[in-house]
Protein backbone atom coordinates (compact mmCIF):
# COMPACT_ATOMS: atom_id res chain seq x y z
CA MET A 1 8.98 -13.63 -0.42
CA ASN A 2 8.27 -10.48 1.70
CA GLN A 3 11.06 -8.91 3.64
CA SER A 4 9.40 -8.37 7.30
CA PRO A 5 11.21 -6.94 9.89
CA THR A 6 12.22 -9.40 12.71
CA ALA A 7 13.54 -9.13 16.61
CA THR A 8 17.16 -9.90 15.42
CA ASP A 9 17.30 -7.35 13.01
CA THR A 10 19.33 -3.89 14.86
CA PRO A 11 18.56 -0.49 13.83
CA ASP A 12 21.55 1.77 12.39
CA THR A 13 20.43 5.09 14.62
CA GLU A 14 23.71 6.94 11.92
CA HIS A 15 21.20 6.72 8.85
CA ASP A 16 17.92 7.90 10.73
CA GLY A 17 16.20 10.65 8.70
CA LEU A 18 18.18 9.60 5.73
CA ARG A 19 16.05 6.87 5.03
CA ARG A 20 12.90 9.14 4.70
CA ARG A 21 14.40 11.41 2.59
CA LEU A 22 15.79 8.03 0.26
CA MET A 23 12.39 6.73 0.23
CA ALA A 24 10.07 9.70 -0.42
CA GLY A 25 12.62 11.22 -3.44
CA GLY A 26 12.70 7.48 -4.77
CA LEU A 27 8.85 7.06 -4.84
CA ALA A 28 8.54 10.82 -5.99
CA ALA A 29 10.87 10.00 -8.89
CA ALA A 30 9.47 6.84 -9.77
CA ALA A 31 5.93 7.70 -9.98
CA LEU A 32 6.74 10.82 -12.28
CA GLY A 33 8.80 8.52 -14.50
CA VAL A 34 5.88 6.16 -14.63
CA LEU A 35 3.53 9.00 -15.41
CA GLY A 36 5.45 10.67 -17.51
CA SER A 37 6.38 7.75 -20.03
CA ARG A 38 2.48 7.38 -20.45
CA THR A 39 0.83 8.56 -24.02
CA ALA A 40 -2.63 10.65 -23.55
CA SER A 41 -5.15 8.38 -24.74
CA ALA A 42 -7.71 9.68 -27.07
CA ALA A 43 -10.71 10.31 -24.18
CA PRO A 44 -8.57 11.02 -21.22
CA ASN A 45 -11.71 10.70 -18.92
CA GLU A 46 -12.88 7.16 -19.95
CA LEU A 47 -11.73 4.07 -18.29
CA SER A 48 -11.48 0.79 -20.44
CA ALA A 49 -13.11 -2.36 -18.99
CA ARG A 50 -9.89 -4.03 -18.16
CA GLU A 51 -8.98 -0.59 -16.34
CA MET A 52 -12.37 -1.03 -14.20
CA GLU A 53 -11.26 -4.44 -13.40
CA LEU A 54 -8.22 -3.47 -11.98
CA LEU A 55 -8.95 -0.13 -10.56
CA ARG A 56 -11.96 -2.45 -8.40
CA PHE A 57 -9.22 -4.89 -7.64
CA ALA A 58 -6.86 -2.33 -5.96
CA GLN A 59 -10.44 -0.85 -4.51
CA LEU A 60 -11.08 -4.08 -2.80
CA LEU A 61 -7.15 -4.57 -1.60
CA GLU A 62 -7.47 -0.96 0.32
CA LEU A 63 -11.05 -2.23 1.73
CA THR A 64 -9.29 -5.32 2.71
CA ALA A 65 -6.39 -3.53 4.60
CA ARG A 66 -9.28 -1.31 6.45
CA ASP A 67 -10.96 -4.29 7.52
CA LEU A 68 -7.72 -5.88 8.68
CA TYR A 69 -6.55 -2.99 10.44
CA ASP A 70 -10.21 -2.94 12.32
CA ALA A 71 -9.57 -6.83 13.29
CA ALA A 72 -6.32 -6.10 14.94
CA THR A 73 -7.73 -2.90 16.94
CA ALA A 74 -10.42 -5.17 17.79
CA ALA A 75 -7.78 -7.98 18.99
CA GLY A 76 -6.36 -4.92 21.34
CA ALA A 77 -3.52 -3.62 18.69
CA PRO A 78 -2.62 0.12 19.63
CA GLY A 79 -5.77 2.05 18.88
CA PRO A 80 -4.75 5.23 17.65
CA LEU A 81 -2.13 4.24 14.91
CA TRP A 82 -4.48 1.30 13.23
CA GLU A 83 -7.31 3.84 13.13
CA ALA A 84 -5.54 6.06 11.24
CA MET A 85 -3.97 3.66 9.05
CA SER A 86 -7.49 1.75 8.90
CA GLU A 87 -9.23 5.42 7.83
CA GLN A 88 -6.40 5.97 5.33
CA HIS A 89 -6.97 2.83 3.85
CA GLU A 90 -10.98 3.70 3.72
CA ALA A 91 -9.84 7.33 2.13
CA TYR A 92 -8.13 5.19 -0.47
CA ALA A 93 -10.87 3.49 -1.42
CA GLN A 94 -13.04 6.22 -1.99
CA ALA A 95 -10.96 7.85 -4.09
CA ILE A 96 -10.56 4.99 -6.14
CA ALA A 97 -14.73 5.17 -6.18
CA SER A 98 -14.36 8.76 -7.31
CA ILE A 99 -12.73 7.76 -10.48
CA THR A 100 -14.56 4.80 -11.14
CA GLY A 101 -18.17 5.54 -9.90
CA LEU A 102 -18.09 2.06 -7.82
CA SER A 103 -18.86 1.89 -4.66
CA ALA A 104 -16.47 1.62 -1.96
CA THR A 105 -18.12 -2.01 -0.49
CA GLY A 106 -16.57 -5.63 -0.06
CA ARG A 107 -13.25 -6.71 0.31
CA ASN A 108 -11.00 -9.32 -1.15
CA ASP A 109 -11.94 -12.08 1.15
CA ALA A 110 -8.83 -14.29 -0.01
CA VAL A 111 -6.44 -11.90 1.21
CA TYR A 112 -8.20 -11.18 4.39
CA ASP A 113 -8.75 -14.56 5.46
CA ALA A 114 -5.22 -14.99 4.77
CA GLN A 115 -3.77 -12.26 6.74
CA VAL A 116 -6.22 -11.68 9.54
CA ASP A 117 -4.81 -14.01 11.93
CA GLY A 118 -1.54 -12.06 11.82
CA PHE A 119 -2.99 -9.07 12.39
CA ARG A 120 -4.65 -10.41 15.58
CA THR A 121 -1.61 -12.07 16.87
CA ASP A 122 1.51 -10.02 15.28
CA SER A 123 0.08 -7.19 14.14
CA VAL A 124 3.19 -4.66 13.28
CA LEU A 125 4.67 -7.35 11.12
CA ALA A 126 1.44 -8.50 9.39
CA ALA A 127 0.97 -4.97 8.57
CA HIS A 128 4.34 -4.28 7.37
CA ALA A 129 3.98 -7.39 5.11
CA LEU A 130 0.87 -6.26 4.04
CA GLU A 131 1.60 -2.61 3.13
CA SER A 132 4.77 -3.95 1.36
CA ALA A 133 2.87 -6.28 -0.85
CA ALA A 134 0.02 -3.76 -1.63
CA ALA A 135 2.79 -1.18 -2.37
CA ALA A 136 4.29 -3.51 -4.76
CA THR A 137 0.90 -4.85 -6.11
CA HIS A 138 -0.21 -0.95 -6.90
CA THR A 139 3.02 -0.33 -8.64
CA GLU A 140 2.86 -3.29 -10.95
CA LEU A 141 -1.21 -2.30 -11.26
CA LEU A 142 0.12 1.06 -12.79
CA ALA A 143 1.64 -0.83 -15.84
CA HIS A 144 -1.60 -1.32 -16.99
CA ILE A 145 -4.11 2.06 -16.47
CA THR A 146 -3.56 4.81 -19.45
CA GLN A 147 -6.14 7.06 -17.70
CA ALA A 148 -4.14 9.69 -16.25
CA HIS A 149 -6.20 10.85 -13.14
CA ALA A 150 -6.65 7.15 -12.24
CA ALA A 151 -2.77 6.54 -12.77
CA GLU A 152 -1.76 9.34 -10.18
CA VAL A 153 -4.25 8.53 -7.52
CA ILE A 154 -2.98 5.03 -7.55
CA ALA A 155 0.68 6.11 -7.44
CA SER A 156 -0.21 8.60 -4.77
CA ILE A 157 -1.35 5.45 -2.56
CA VAL A 158 1.96 3.76 -3.45
CA SER A 159 3.53 6.35 -2.00
CA SER A 160 1.34 6.43 0.81
CA GLU A 161 1.74 2.60 1.48
CA SER A 162 5.40 3.06 1.29
CA ARG A 163 5.05 5.84 3.89
CA HIS A 164 2.80 3.13 6.20
CA CYS A 165 5.93 0.40 5.83
CA VAL A 166 8.44 3.14 7.21
CA VAL A 167 6.44 3.57 10.10
CA LEU A 168 5.32 0.06 10.95
CA ALA A 169 9.25 -0.64 10.89
CA ASP A 170 9.71 2.43 13.34
CA VAL A 171 6.89 0.85 15.67
CA ALA A 172 8.66 -2.27 15.52
CA GLY A 173 12.07 -0.73 16.32
CA LEU A 174 13.73 -1.47 12.76
CA GLY A 175 13.09 2.04 11.78
CA THR A 176 16.97 2.89 10.69
CA ASN A 177 17.39 -0.75 8.88
CA LEU A 178 17.99 0.50 5.03
CA ASP A 179 17.14 -2.54 3.65
CA ILE A 180 13.63 -2.93 5.37
CA ASN A 181 12.83 0.72 4.34
CA LEU A 182 14.43 0.94 1.06
CA ILE A 183 13.87 -2.27 -0.52
CA ASN A 184 10.27 -3.73 -0.89
CA SER A 185 11.02 -7.27 -1.59
CA ALA A 186 7.04 -8.19 -1.36
CA ASP A 187 5.91 -10.39 -4.34
CA PRO A 188 2.72 -8.38 -5.36
CA LEU A 189 -0.56 -9.93 -5.14
CA GLU A 190 -1.89 -11.54 -8.94
CA LEU A 191 -3.70 -9.14 -11.05
CA PRO A 192 -7.17 -10.19 -11.66
């Protein structure tokens, strides 16, 4: 299940900086591997009905993350960081809207309802768990997207959400814990 930072984990200062380089390099290599192995579709700018459904699912997940960060801010979480996270997820939803033509409105109420209490009470750990699950979900979703630009956007979202995990682990005092920062053991959400 999800591996979230806990207060009993101790940071290992010897590997500070290394984890960020490894995370960035590994994610870039994974994204290039996924994108590089794709075959071009006959109409590269057209999305199938299935791709539209999956991209709407991804978009709603991003809007849900935005709303969860807003709920954490309203409950007293550190404003500037949470506001930045909220704005980034809004931007990801808008990026998906630019590909699909779908309005960036709504959210996944089931995910929101399951996560909102954690965001209001222990927002750092809840946010880390959400970002981990979102990165895992979008990584799984990539296997179903054949339109190159859509795949590039989703891959960039995965990279950003993985970086969010590193920042959140650092805020929790676990920034040098290599297991938390390099291994995403979160289960992806079930795709529609």
